[in-house]
Amino acid sequence: MVSLDPKELSVPILHQYLLGSIGPRPIAFASTVDKEGNRNLAPFSFFNVFSANPPILIFSPARSGRMNTTKDTHNNVKEVAEVVINVVTYDMVHQMSLASSPFEAGVDEFEKAGFTPVASDTIRPFRVKESPVQLECKVLEVKDLGENGGAGNLVICEVLKIHISESVLDQKGMIDQEKIDLVSRMGGNWYCRANGESLFEVDKPLTAIGIGVDALPAKIKMCKELTGNDLGILGNLQSIPNDEEMTHELTNLSENLSIRFAKQLLTANKPITAYAVLSKLL
């Protein structure tokens, strides 16, 4: 393993390591206005949601690593403490990328990138019609993290109103993760698309607490063919299955076939049956 001291790296190299390893990062497509009302639209992947009560989003328009200049978005929110955060989907990713170009101050990225501005209900900046979720926010604080190139500027926002397209809702009125087709940033020029086989579910262990990997029999824990994910699924069992639960018709499999079949069962989210098969190893 390579071990690095950030203080010994140049900012561009450190930037590549950080963004190449921390991802996928959601994209805040931020719409702002200056004090004269001129529109600005720019994407930022230093972004996430940090609280639901109150609803708080934070994004960071960092200082230029080359010129040590601040972004128009950063300047605008200091003049007009309001912003619309629009989510970015696959259908608009190339337009969004165009909007990230270093246009001169005062240039309207809505027009340059071909987006449709929609008046907000509670604040002055405009929403992006093409985005399926638009969040009107007031800016609570702008926290500058430094004065050198590459330094972040945390824009702490409180959500005042959320607009959601019916096209991305499921039958229960919640956002369908496949329909919304979000994209996110990786390192370099790479993006990630959240759809198809890249999506999967993992049950949250909130009310049902698992036994833990440490409670599994030693022969199962030390089995080299089982991955960390395999052990994690088994560790999420609420208890060691009893004899009745472990009744299984497959009793004549070899050890190798038992492990292979158990892994298939774990992939199919059938941990009790998988444990029953693995119990042959004990």
C-alpha atoms as a PDB file:
ATOM      1  CA  MET A   1       0.000   0.000   0.000  1.00  0.00           C
ATOM      2  CA  VAL A   2       1.259   3.479  -0.917  1.00  0.00           C
ATOM      3  CA  SER A   3       1.193   5.955   1.985  1.00  0.00           C
ATOM      4  CA  LEU A   4       1.250   9.684   1.206  1.00  0.00           C
ATOM      5  CA  ASP A   5       1.577  12.889   3.213  1.00  0.00           C
ATOM      6  CA  PRO A   6      -0.774  15.524   1.707  1.00  0.00           C
ATOM      7  CA  LYS A   7       1.662  18.268   2.709  1.00  0.00           C
ATOM      8  CA  GLU A   8       4.313  16.752   0.438  1.00  0.00           C
ATOM      9  CA  LEU A   9       2.053  16.672  -2.645  1.00  0.00           C
ATOM     10  CA  SER A  10       1.307  19.462  -5.073  1.00  0.00           C
ATOM     11  CA  VAL A  11      -2.292  20.678  -5.019  1.00  0.00           C
ATOM     12  CA  PRO A  12      -3.123  19.264  -8.512  1.00  0.00           C
ATOM     13  CA  ILE A  13      -1.782  15.803  -7.585  1.00  0.00           C
ATOM     14  CA  LEU A  14      -3.539  15.823  -4.206  1.00  0.00           C
ATOM     15  CA  HIS A  15      -6.727  16.947  -5.952  1.00  0.00           C
ATOM     16  CA  GLN A  16      -6.507  13.944  -8.311  1.00  0.00           C
ATOM     17  CA  TYR A  17      -5.991  11.488  -5.459  1.00  0.00           C
ATOM     18  CA  LEU A  18      -8.891  12.895  -3.441  1.00  0.00           C
ATOM     19  CA  LEU A  19     -11.392  13.041  -6.292  1.00  0.00           C
ATOM     20  CA  GLY A  20     -10.261   9.708  -7.726  1.00  0.00           C
ATOM     21  CA  SER A  21     -10.895   7.911  -4.452  1.00  0.00           C
ATOM     22  CA  ILE A  22     -13.874   9.744  -2.952  1.00  0.00           C
ATOM     23  CA  GLY A  23     -16.839   9.064  -5.171  1.00  0.00           C
ATOM     24  CA  PRO A  24     -19.305   8.795  -6.713  1.00  0.00           C
ATOM     25  CA  ARG A  25     -20.092  12.347  -5.618  1.00  0.00           C
ATOM     26  CA  PRO A  26     -23.584  13.819  -6.130  1.00  0.00           C
ATOM     27  CA  ILE A  27     -23.774  16.983  -8.195  1.00  0.00           C
ATOM     28  CA  ALA A  28     -25.280  20.250  -7.013  1.00  0.00           C
ATOM     29  CA  PHE A  29     -26.347  22.163 -10.116  1.00  0.00           C
ATOM     30  CA  ALA A  30     -26.466  25.560  -8.438  1.00  0.00           C
ATOM     31  CA  SER A  31     -28.521  28.436  -9.780  1.00  0.00           C
ATOM     32  CA  THR A  32     -27.722  31.865  -8.324  1.00  0.00           C
ATOM     33  CA  VAL A  33     -28.094  35.560  -9.148  1.00  0.00           C
ATOM     34  CA  ASP A  34     -25.915  38.570  -8.404  1.00  0.00           C
ATOM     35  CA  LYS A  35     -27.236  41.781  -6.882  1.00  0.00           C
ATOM     36  CA  GLU A  36     -28.203  43.049 -10.357  1.00  0.00           C
ATOM     37  CA  GLY A  37     -30.232  39.895 -10.986  1.00  0.00           C
ATOM     38  CA  ASN A  38     -27.868  38.344 -13.550  1.00  0.00           C
ATOM     39  CA  ARG A  39     -28.325  34.553 -13.672  1.00  0.00           C
ATOM     40  CA  ASN A  40     -25.552  32.020 -13.115  1.00  0.00           C
ATOM     41  CA  LEU A  41     -25.649  28.230 -13.314  1.00  0.00           C
ATOM     42  CA  ALA A  42     -22.784  25.919 -12.350  1.00  0.00           C
ATOM     43  CA  PRO A  43     -22.268  22.306 -11.141  1.00  0.00           C
ATOM     44  CA  PHE A  44     -20.363  21.325  -7.998  1.00  0.00           C
ATOM     45  CA  SER A  45     -19.572  17.804  -6.835  1.00  0.00           C
ATOM     46  CA  PHE A  46     -18.305  18.832  -3.406  1.00  0.00           C
ATOM     47  CA  PHE A  47     -21.901  18.409  -2.221  1.00  0.00           C
ATOM     48  CA  ASN A  48     -24.246  16.437  -0.006  1.00  0.00           C
ATOM     49  CA  VAL A  49     -27.244  16.555   2.367  1.00  0.00           C
ATOM     50  CA  PHE A  50     -26.270  16.902   6.027  1.00  0.00           C
ATOM     51  CA  SER A  51     -29.515  17.198   7.955  1.00  0.00           C
ATOM     52  CA  ALA A  52     -33.235  16.500   7.541  1.00  0.00           C
ATOM     53  CA  ASN A  53     -34.424  18.520  10.529  1.00  0.00           C
ATOM     54  CA  PRO A  54     -33.675  21.246   9.617  1.00  0.00           C
ATOM     55  CA  PRO A  55     -33.145  20.291   5.941  1.00  0.00           C
ATOM     56  CA  ILE A  56     -29.544  21.334   5.275  1.00  0.00           C
ATOM     57  CA  LEU A  57     -27.461  20.960   2.105  1.00  0.00           C
ATOM     58  CA  ILE A  58     -23.811  21.982   1.777  1.00  0.00           C
ATOM     59  CA  PHE A  59     -21.826  22.472  -1.415  1.00  0.00           C
ATOM     60  CA  SER A  60     -18.411  23.956  -2.018  1.00  0.00           C
ATOM     61  CA  PRO A  61     -17.400  26.149  -4.979  1.00  0.00           C
ATOM     62  CA  ALA A  62     -13.642  25.834  -4.435  1.00  0.00           C
ATOM     63  CA  ARG A  63     -11.098  28.463  -5.410  1.00  0.00           C
ATOM     64  CA  SER A  64      -9.377  27.877  -8.734  1.00  0.00           C
ATOM     65  CA  GLY A  65      -6.255  25.767  -8.305  1.00  0.00           C
ATOM     66  CA  ARG A  66      -4.545  27.546 -11.223  1.00  0.00           C
ATOM     67  CA  MET A  67      -5.614  31.171 -10.837  1.00  0.00           C
ATOM     68  CA  ASN A  68      -6.678  31.241  -7.160  1.00  0.00           C
ATOM     69  CA  THR A  69      -9.881  33.029  -8.160  1.00  0.00           C
ATOM     70  CA  THR A  70     -13.324  32.487  -6.682  1.00  0.00           C
ATOM     71  CA  LYS A  71     -16.277  31.136  -8.655  1.00  0.00           C
ATOM     72  CA  ASP A  72     -19.184  33.357  -9.727  1.00  0.00           C
ATOM     73  CA  THR A  73     -21.444  31.134  -7.621  1.00  0.00           C
ATOM     74  CA  HIS A  74     -19.368  31.901  -4.520  1.00  0.00           C
ATOM     75  CA  ASN A  75     -19.467  35.626  -5.257  1.00  0.00           C
ATOM     76  CA  ASN A  76     -23.212  35.571  -5.956  1.00  0.00           C
ATOM     77  CA  VAL A  77     -24.301  33.817  -2.749  1.00  0.00           C
ATOM     78  CA  LYS A  78     -22.341  36.404  -0.789  1.00  0.00           C
ATOM     79  CA  GLU A  79     -24.325  39.145  -2.537  1.00  0.00           C
ATOM     80  CA  VAL A  80     -27.686  37.351  -2.658  1.00  0.00           C
ATOM     81  CA  ALA A  81     -27.895  34.612  -0.028  1.00  0.00           C
ATOM     82  CA  GLU A  82     -30.149  32.321  -2.057  1.00  0.00           C
ATOM     83  CA  VAL A  83     -29.611  29.331  -4.353  1.00  0.00           C
ATOM     84  CA  VAL A  84     -31.547  26.642  -6.182  1.00  0.00           C
ATOM     85  CA  ILE A  85     -29.917  23.206  -6.065  1.00  0.00           C
ATOM     86  CA  ASN A  86     -31.008  21.196  -9.112  1.00  0.00           C
ATOM     87  CA  VAL A  87     -30.200  17.484  -9.359  1.00  0.00           C
ATOM     88  CA  VAL A  88     -28.490  16.188 -12.495  1.00  0.00           C
ATOM     89  CA  THR A  89     -29.763  13.243 -14.528  1.00  0.00           C
ATOM     90  CA  TYR A  90     -28.193  11.343 -17.405  1.00  0.00           C
ATOM     91  CA  ASP A  91     -30.410  13.105 -19.950  1.00  0.00           C
ATOM     92  CA  MET A  92     -28.880  16.494 -19.093  1.00  0.00           C
ATOM     93  CA  VAL A  93     -25.281  15.589 -18.221  1.00  0.00           C
ATOM     94  CA  HIS A  94     -23.677  17.050 -21.358  1.00  0.00           C
ATOM     95  CA  GLN A  95     -25.590  20.304 -21.044  1.00  0.00           C
ATOM     96  CA  MET A  96     -24.523  20.483 -17.413  1.00  0.00           C
ATOM     97  CA  SER A  97     -20.893  19.913 -18.417  1.00  0.00           C
ATOM     98  CA  LEU A  98     -21.152  22.764 -20.926  1.00  0.00           C
ATOM     99  CA  ALA A  99     -22.462  25.030 -18.153  1.00  0.00           C
ATOM    100  CA  SER A 100     -19.274  24.313 -16.155  1.00  0.00           C
ATOM    101  CA  SER A 101     -17.153  26.119 -18.765  1.00  0.00           C
ATOM    102  CA  PRO A 102     -15.227  29.142 -17.392  1.00  0.00           C
ATOM    103  CA  PHE A 103     -17.395  31.773 -19.055  1.00  0.00           C
ATOM    104  CA  GLU A 104     -16.879  35.441 -18.231  1.00  0.00           C
ATOM    105  CA  ALA A 105     -18.808  36.879 -15.304  1.00  0.00           C
ATOM    106  CA  GLY A 106     -22.274  37.967 -16.382  1.00  0.00           C
ATOM    107  CA  VAL A 107     -22.657  35.261 -19.041  1.00  0.00           C
ATOM    108  CA  ASP A 108     -25.956  33.400 -18.612  1.00  0.00           C
ATOM    109  CA  GLU A 109     -25.258  29.661 -18.490  1.00  0.00           C
ATOM    110  CA  PHE A 110     -28.981  28.963 -18.851  1.00  0.00           C
ATOM    111  CA  GLU A 111     -28.724  30.356 -22.383  1.00  0.00           C
ATOM    112  CA  LYS A 112     -25.260  28.981 -23.155  1.00  0.00           C
ATOM    113  CA  ALA A 113     -26.184  25.421 -22.149  1.00  0.00           C
ATOM    114  CA  GLY A 114     -29.749  25.536 -23.463  1.00  0.00           C
ATOM    115  CA  PHE A 115     -31.558  25.145 -20.147  1.00  0.00           C
ATOM    116  CA  THR A 116     -35.003  26.551 -19.393  1.00  0.00           C
ATOM    117  CA  PRO A 117     -35.203  28.955 -16.418  1.00  0.00           C
ATOM    118  CA  VAL A 118     -38.308  28.683 -14.236  1.00  0.00           C
ATOM    119  CA  ALA A 119     -39.165  31.301 -11.617  1.00  0.00           C
ATOM    120  CA  SER A 120     -38.855  30.071  -8.031  1.00  0.00           C
ATOM    121  CA  ASP A 121     -41.639  30.429  -5.474  1.00  0.00           C
ATOM    122  CA  THR A 122     -39.670  31.709  -2.477  1.00  0.00           C
ATOM    123  CA  ILE A 123     -36.325  33.056  -3.731  1.00  0.00           C
ATOM    124  CA  ARG A 124     -34.856  35.057  -6.624  1.00  0.00           C
ATOM    125  CA  PRO A 125     -32.629  32.488  -8.405  1.00  0.00           C
ATOM    126  CA  PHE A 126     -34.299  30.439 -11.126  1.00  0.00           C
ATOM    127  CA  ARG A 127     -34.945  26.705 -11.222  1.00  0.00           C
ATOM    128  CA  VAL A 128     -33.815  24.424 -14.066  1.00  0.00           C
ATOM    129  CA  LYS A 129     -36.908  23.028 -15.761  1.00  0.00           C
ATOM    130  CA  GLU A 130     -35.033  20.014 -17.134  1.00  0.00           C
ATOM    131  CA  SER A 131     -34.043  18.837 -13.640  1.00  0.00           C
ATOM    132  CA  PRO A 132     -36.593  16.483 -12.010  1.00  0.00           C
ATOM    133  CA  VAL A 133     -35.842  17.732  -8.475  1.00  0.00           C
ATOM    134  CA  GLN A 134     -35.268  21.400  -7.676  1.00  0.00           C
ATOM    135  CA  LEU A 135     -34.588  22.642  -4.146  1.00  0.00           C
ATOM    136  CA  GLU A 136     -35.069  26.311  -3.314  1.00  0.00           C
ATOM    137  CA  CYS A 137     -32.676  27.280  -0.521  1.00  0.00           C
ATOM    138  CA  LYS A 138     -31.618  30.211   1.599  1.00  0.00           C
ATOM    139  CA  VAL A 139     -27.916  30.445   2.353  1.00  0.00           C
ATOM    140  CA  LEU A 140     -27.276  30.382   6.092  1.00  0.00           C
ATOM    141  CA  GLU A 141     -23.512  30.778   5.968  1.00  0.00           C
ATOM    142  CA  VAL A 142     -20.547  30.803   3.610  1.00  0.00           C
ATOM    143  CA  LYS A 143     -17.488  29.392   5.357  1.00  0.00           C
ATOM    144  CA  ASP A 144     -14.236  30.035   3.517  1.00  0.00           C
ATOM    145  CA  LEU A 145     -11.697  27.277   4.244  1.00  0.00           C
ATOM    146  CA  GLY A 146      -8.613  29.087   2.999  1.00  0.00           C
ATOM    147  CA  GLU A 147      -7.174  31.778   0.746  1.00  0.00           C
ATOM    148  CA  ASN A 148      -4.983  29.635  -1.508  1.00  0.00           C
ATOM    149  CA  GLY A 149      -5.809  27.880  -4.779  1.00  0.00           C
ATOM    150  CA  GLY A 150      -7.892  24.754  -4.243  1.00  0.00           C
ATOM    151  CA  ALA A 151      -9.391  25.940  -0.956  1.00  0.00           C
ATOM    152  CA  GLY A 152     -13.065  25.136  -0.487  1.00  0.00           C
ATOM    153  CA  ASN A 153     -15.860  27.518   0.422  1.00  0.00           C
ATOM    154  CA  LEU A 154     -18.701  25.772   2.229  1.00  0.00           C
ATOM    155  CA  VAL A 155     -22.111  27.140   1.248  1.00  0.00           C
ATOM    156  CA  ILE A 156     -24.501  26.003   3.981  1.00  0.00           C
ATOM    157  CA  CYS A 157     -28.085  26.039   2.725  1.00  0.00           C
ATOM    158  CA  GLU A 158     -31.501  25.463   4.260  1.00  0.00           C
ATOM    159  CA  VAL A 159     -34.141  24.025   1.938  1.00  0.00           C
ATOM    160  CA  LEU A 160     -37.256  26.202   1.763  1.00  0.00           C
ATOM    161  CA  LYS A 161     -39.185  24.379  -0.949  1.00  0.00           C
ATOM    162  CA  ILE A 162     -38.788  21.178  -2.980  1.00  0.00           C
ATOM    163  CA  HIS A 163     -40.160  20.668  -6.494  1.00  0.00           C
ATOM    164  CA  ILE A 164     -40.335  17.068  -7.779  1.00  0.00           C
ATOM    165  CA  SER A 165     -41.427  15.893 -11.219  1.00  0.00           C
ATOM    166  CA  GLU A 166     -44.174  13.271 -11.115  1.00  0.00           C
ATOM    167  CA  SER A 167     -42.184  11.355 -13.745  1.00  0.00           C
ATOM    168  CA  VAL A 168     -39.687  10.133 -11.110  1.00  0.00           C
ATOM    169  CA  LEU A 169     -42.206   9.123  -8.438  1.00  0.00           C
ATOM    170  CA  ASP A 170     -43.311   5.587  -7.630  1.00  0.00           C
ATOM    171  CA  GLN A 171     -46.848   4.437  -6.747  1.00  0.00           C
ATOM    172  CA  LYS A 172     -46.347   5.548  -3.139  1.00  0.00           C
ATOM    173  CA  GLY A 173     -45.369   9.059  -4.182  1.00  0.00           C
ATOM    174  CA  MET A 174     -41.689   8.564  -3.285  1.00  0.00           C
ATOM    175  CA  ILE A 175     -38.706   9.010  -5.591  1.00  0.00           C
ATOM    176  CA  ASP A 176     -38.014   5.888  -7.659  1.00  0.00           C
ATOM    177  CA  GLN A 177     -34.227   5.423  -7.766  1.00  0.00           C
ATOM    178  CA  GLU A 178     -34.360   3.799 -11.204  1.00  0.00           C
ATOM    179  CA  LYS A 179     -36.653   6.384 -12.768  1.00  0.00           C
ATOM    180  CA  ILE A 180     -34.630   9.398 -11.607  1.00  0.00           C
ATOM    181  CA  ASP A 181     -31.464   8.131 -13.382  1.00  0.00           C
ATOM    182  CA  LEU A 182     -29.010  10.340 -11.474  1.00  0.00           C
ATOM    183  CA  VAL A 183     -25.388  10.887 -12.455  1.00  0.00           C
ATOM    184  CA  SER A 184     -22.447  11.634 -10.195  1.00  0.00           C
ATOM    185  CA  ARG A 185     -18.796  12.623 -10.489  1.00  0.00           C
ATOM    186  CA  MET A 186     -15.726  10.455 -10.206  1.00  0.00           C
ATOM    187  CA  GLY A 187     -12.080  11.366 -10.779  1.00  0.00           C
ATOM    188  CA  GLY A 188     -10.786  13.018 -13.945  1.00  0.00           C
ATOM    189  CA  ASN A 189     -13.381  13.081 -16.716  1.00  0.00           C
ATOM    190  CA  TRP A 190     -15.272  10.109 -15.308  1.00  0.00           C
ATOM    191  CA  TYR A 191     -18.941  10.088 -14.310  1.00  0.00           C
ATOM    192  CA  CYS A 192     -21.152   7.395 -12.824  1.00  0.00           C
ATOM    193  CA  ARG A 193     -24.741   6.621 -13.845  1.00  0.00           C
ATOM    194  CA  ALA A 194     -27.034   5.275 -11.117  1.00  0.00           C
ATOM    195  CA  ASN A 195     -29.243   2.860 -13.014  1.00  0.00           C
ATOM    196  CA  GLY A 196     -29.520  -0.767 -14.105  1.00  0.00           C
ATOM    197  CA  GLU A 197     -27.055  -3.197 -12.582  1.00  0.00           C
ATOM    198  CA  SER A 198     -25.242  -0.417 -10.711  1.00  0.00           C
ATOM    199  CA  LEU A 199     -28.233  -0.173  -8.328  1.00  0.00           C
ATOM    200  CA  PHE A 200     -28.781  -2.656  -5.501  1.00  0.00           C
ATOM    201  CA  GLU A 201     -30.471  -2.711  -2.106  1.00  0.00           C
ATOM    202  CA  VAL A 202     -28.988  -3.482   1.313  1.00  0.00           C
ATOM    203  CA  ASP A 203     -31.349  -3.712   4.281  1.00  0.00           C
ATOM    204  CA  LYS A 204     -30.553  -1.224   7.038  1.00  0.00           C
ATOM    205  CA  PRO A 205     -29.846  -2.919  10.407  1.00  0.00           C
ATOM    206  CA  LEU A 206     -31.851  -0.366  12.379  1.00  0.00           C
ATOM    207  CA  THR A 207     -34.400  -2.397  14.333  1.00  0.00           C
ATOM    208  CA  ALA A 208     -33.017  -5.906  13.820  1.00  0.00           C
ATOM    209  CA  ILE A 209     -29.431  -6.128  15.079  1.00  0.00           C
ATOM    210  CA  GLY A 210     -27.281  -8.864  13.575  1.00  0.00           C
ATOM    211  CA  ILE A 211     -25.144 -11.335  15.502  1.00  0.00           C
ATOM    212  CA  GLY A 212     -21.947  -9.958  13.941  1.00  0.00           C
ATOM    213  CA  VAL A 213     -19.150 -11.697  12.083  1.00  0.00           C
ATOM    214  CA  ASP A 214     -17.430 -12.424  15.386  1.00  0.00           C
ATOM    215  CA  ALA A 215     -20.313 -14.728  16.398  1.00  0.00           C
ATOM    216  CA  LEU A 216     -19.970 -16.962  13.330  1.00  0.00           C
ATOM    217  CA  PRO A 217     -18.293 -20.358  13.740  1.00  0.00           C
ATOM    218  CA  ALA A 218     -14.541 -20.184  13.200  1.00  0.00           C
ATOM    219  CA  LYS A 219     -14.548 -22.498  10.178  1.00  0.00           C
ATOM    220  CA  ILE A 220     -17.015 -20.218   8.387  1.00  0.00           C
ATOM    221  CA  LYS A 221     -15.134 -17.049   9.367  1.00  0.00           C
ATOM    222  CA  MET A 222     -11.828 -18.485   8.172  1.00  0.00           C
ATOM    223  CA  CYS A 223     -13.185 -19.884   4.909  1.00  0.00           C
ATOM    224  CA  LYS A 224     -11.017 -18.241   2.221  1.00  0.00           C
ATOM    225  CA  GLU A 225     -13.690 -18.591  -0.454  1.00  0.00           C
ATOM    226  CA  LEU A 226     -16.108 -16.343   1.449  1.00  0.00           C
ATOM    227  CA  THR A 227     -15.681 -12.615   0.843  1.00  0.00           C
ATOM    228  CA  GLY A 228     -16.159  -9.799   3.324  1.00  0.00           C
ATOM    229  CA  ASN A 229     -19.582  -9.205   1.788  1.00  0.00           C
ATOM    230  CA  ASP A 230     -20.501 -12.875   2.302  1.00  0.00           C
ATOM    231  CA  LEU A 231     -19.500 -12.701   5.967  1.00  0.00           C
ATOM    232  CA  GLY A 232     -21.323  -9.381   6.370  1.00  0.00           C
ATOM    233  CA  ILE A 233     -24.585 -10.932   5.137  1.00  0.00           C
ATOM    234  CA  LEU A 234     -24.205 -13.872   7.498  1.00  0.00           C
ATOM    235  CA  GLY A 235     -23.292 -11.516  10.339  1.00  0.00           C
ATOM    236  CA  ASN A 236     -26.567  -9.700   9.798  1.00  0.00           C
ATOM    237  CA  LEU A 237     -28.530 -12.800  10.820  1.00  0.00           C
ATOM    238  CA  GLN A 238     -30.400 -12.012  14.028  1.00  0.00           C
ATOM    239  CA  SER A 239     -29.430 -15.377  15.522  1.00  0.00           C
ATOM    240  CA  ILE A 240     -27.625 -18.591  14.627  1.00  0.00           C
ATOM    241  CA  PRO A 241     -30.254 -20.623  12.715  1.00  0.00           C
ATOM    242  CA  ASN A 242     -31.628 -23.570  14.677  1.00  0.00           C
ATOM    243  CA  ASP A 243     -31.918 -27.131  13.380  1.00  0.00           C
ATOM    244  CA  GLU A 244     -35.468 -26.580  12.158  1.00  0.00           C
ATOM    245  CA  GLU A 245     -34.497 -23.476  10.185  1.00  0.00           C
ATOM    246  CA  MET A 246     -31.486 -25.255   8.703  1.00  0.00           C
ATOM    247  CA  THR A 247     -33.445 -28.186   7.295  1.00  0.00           C
ATOM    248  CA  HIS A 248     -32.280 -28.447   3.725  1.00  0.00           C
ATOM    249  CA  GLU A 249     -32.601 -31.162   1.133  1.00  0.00           C
ATOM    250  CA  LEU A 250     -29.038 -30.737  -0.165  1.00  0.00           C
ATOM    251  CA  THR A 251     -27.022 -32.971   2.142  1.00  0.00           C
ATOM    252  CA  ASN A 252     -24.637 -34.718  -0.238  1.00  0.00           C
ATOM    253  CA  LEU A 253     -22.726 -31.798  -1.729  1.00  0.00           C
ATOM    254  CA  SER A 254     -18.936 -31.728  -1.572  1.00  0.00           C
ATOM    255  CA  GLU A 255     -17.293 -28.974   0.458  1.00  0.00           C
ATOM    256  CA  ASN A 256     -16.407 -26.944  -2.649  1.00  0.00           C
ATOM    257  CA  LEU A 257     -19.908 -27.249  -4.073  1.00  0.00           C
ATOM    258  CA  SER A 258     -21.387 -26.334  -0.692  1.00  0.00           C
ATOM    259  CA  ILE A 259     -19.370 -23.107  -0.591  1.00  0.00           C
ATOM    260  CA  ARG A 260     -20.212 -22.213  -4.198  1.00  0.00           C
ATOM    261  CA  PHE A 261     -23.913 -22.873  -3.628  1.00  0.00           C
ATOM    262  CA  ALA A 262     -23.865 -20.925  -0.362  1.00  0.00           C
ATOM    263  CA  LYS A 263     -22.345 -17.914  -2.149  1.00  0.00           C
ATOM    264  CA  GLN A 264     -25.147 -18.070  -4.736  1.00  0.00           C
ATOM    265  CA  LEU A 265     -27.699 -18.140  -1.921  1.00  0.00           C
ATOM    266  CA  LEU A 266     -26.061 -15.141  -0.236  1.00  0.00           C
ATOM    267  CA  THR A 267     -26.193 -13.229  -3.519  1.00  0.00           C
ATOM    268  CA  ALA A 268     -29.898 -14.104  -3.686  1.00  0.00           C
ATOM    269  CA  ASN A 269     -30.351 -12.717  -0.147  1.00  0.00           C
ATOM    270  CA  LYS A 270     -31.096 -16.114   1.414  1.00  0.00           C
ATOM    271  CA  PRO A 271     -28.681 -16.085   4.375  1.00  0.00           C
ATOM    272  CA  ILE A 272     -30.467 -18.708   6.497  1.00  0.00           C
ATOM    273  CA  THR A 273     -30.404 -21.264   3.684  1.00  0.00           C
ATOM    274  CA  ALA A 274     -26.786 -20.332   2.936  1.00  0.00           C
ATOM    275  CA  TYR A 275     -25.877 -20.885   6.585  1.00  0.00           C
ATOM    276  CA  ALA A 276     -27.606 -24.271   6.438  1.00  0.00           C
ATOM    277  CA  VAL A 277     -25.402 -25.259   3.499  1.00  0.00           C
ATOM    278  CA  LEU A 278     -22.253 -23.916   5.159  1.00  0.00           C
ATOM    279  CA  SER A 279     -23.079 -25.774   8.367  1.00  0.00           C
ATOM    280  CA  LYS A 280     -21.879 -28.894   6.556  1.00  0.00           C
ATOM    281  CA  LEU A 281     -18.367 -27.502   7.014  1.00  0.00           C
ATOM    282  CA  LEU A 282     -18.625 -27.544  10.808  1.00  0.00           C
END
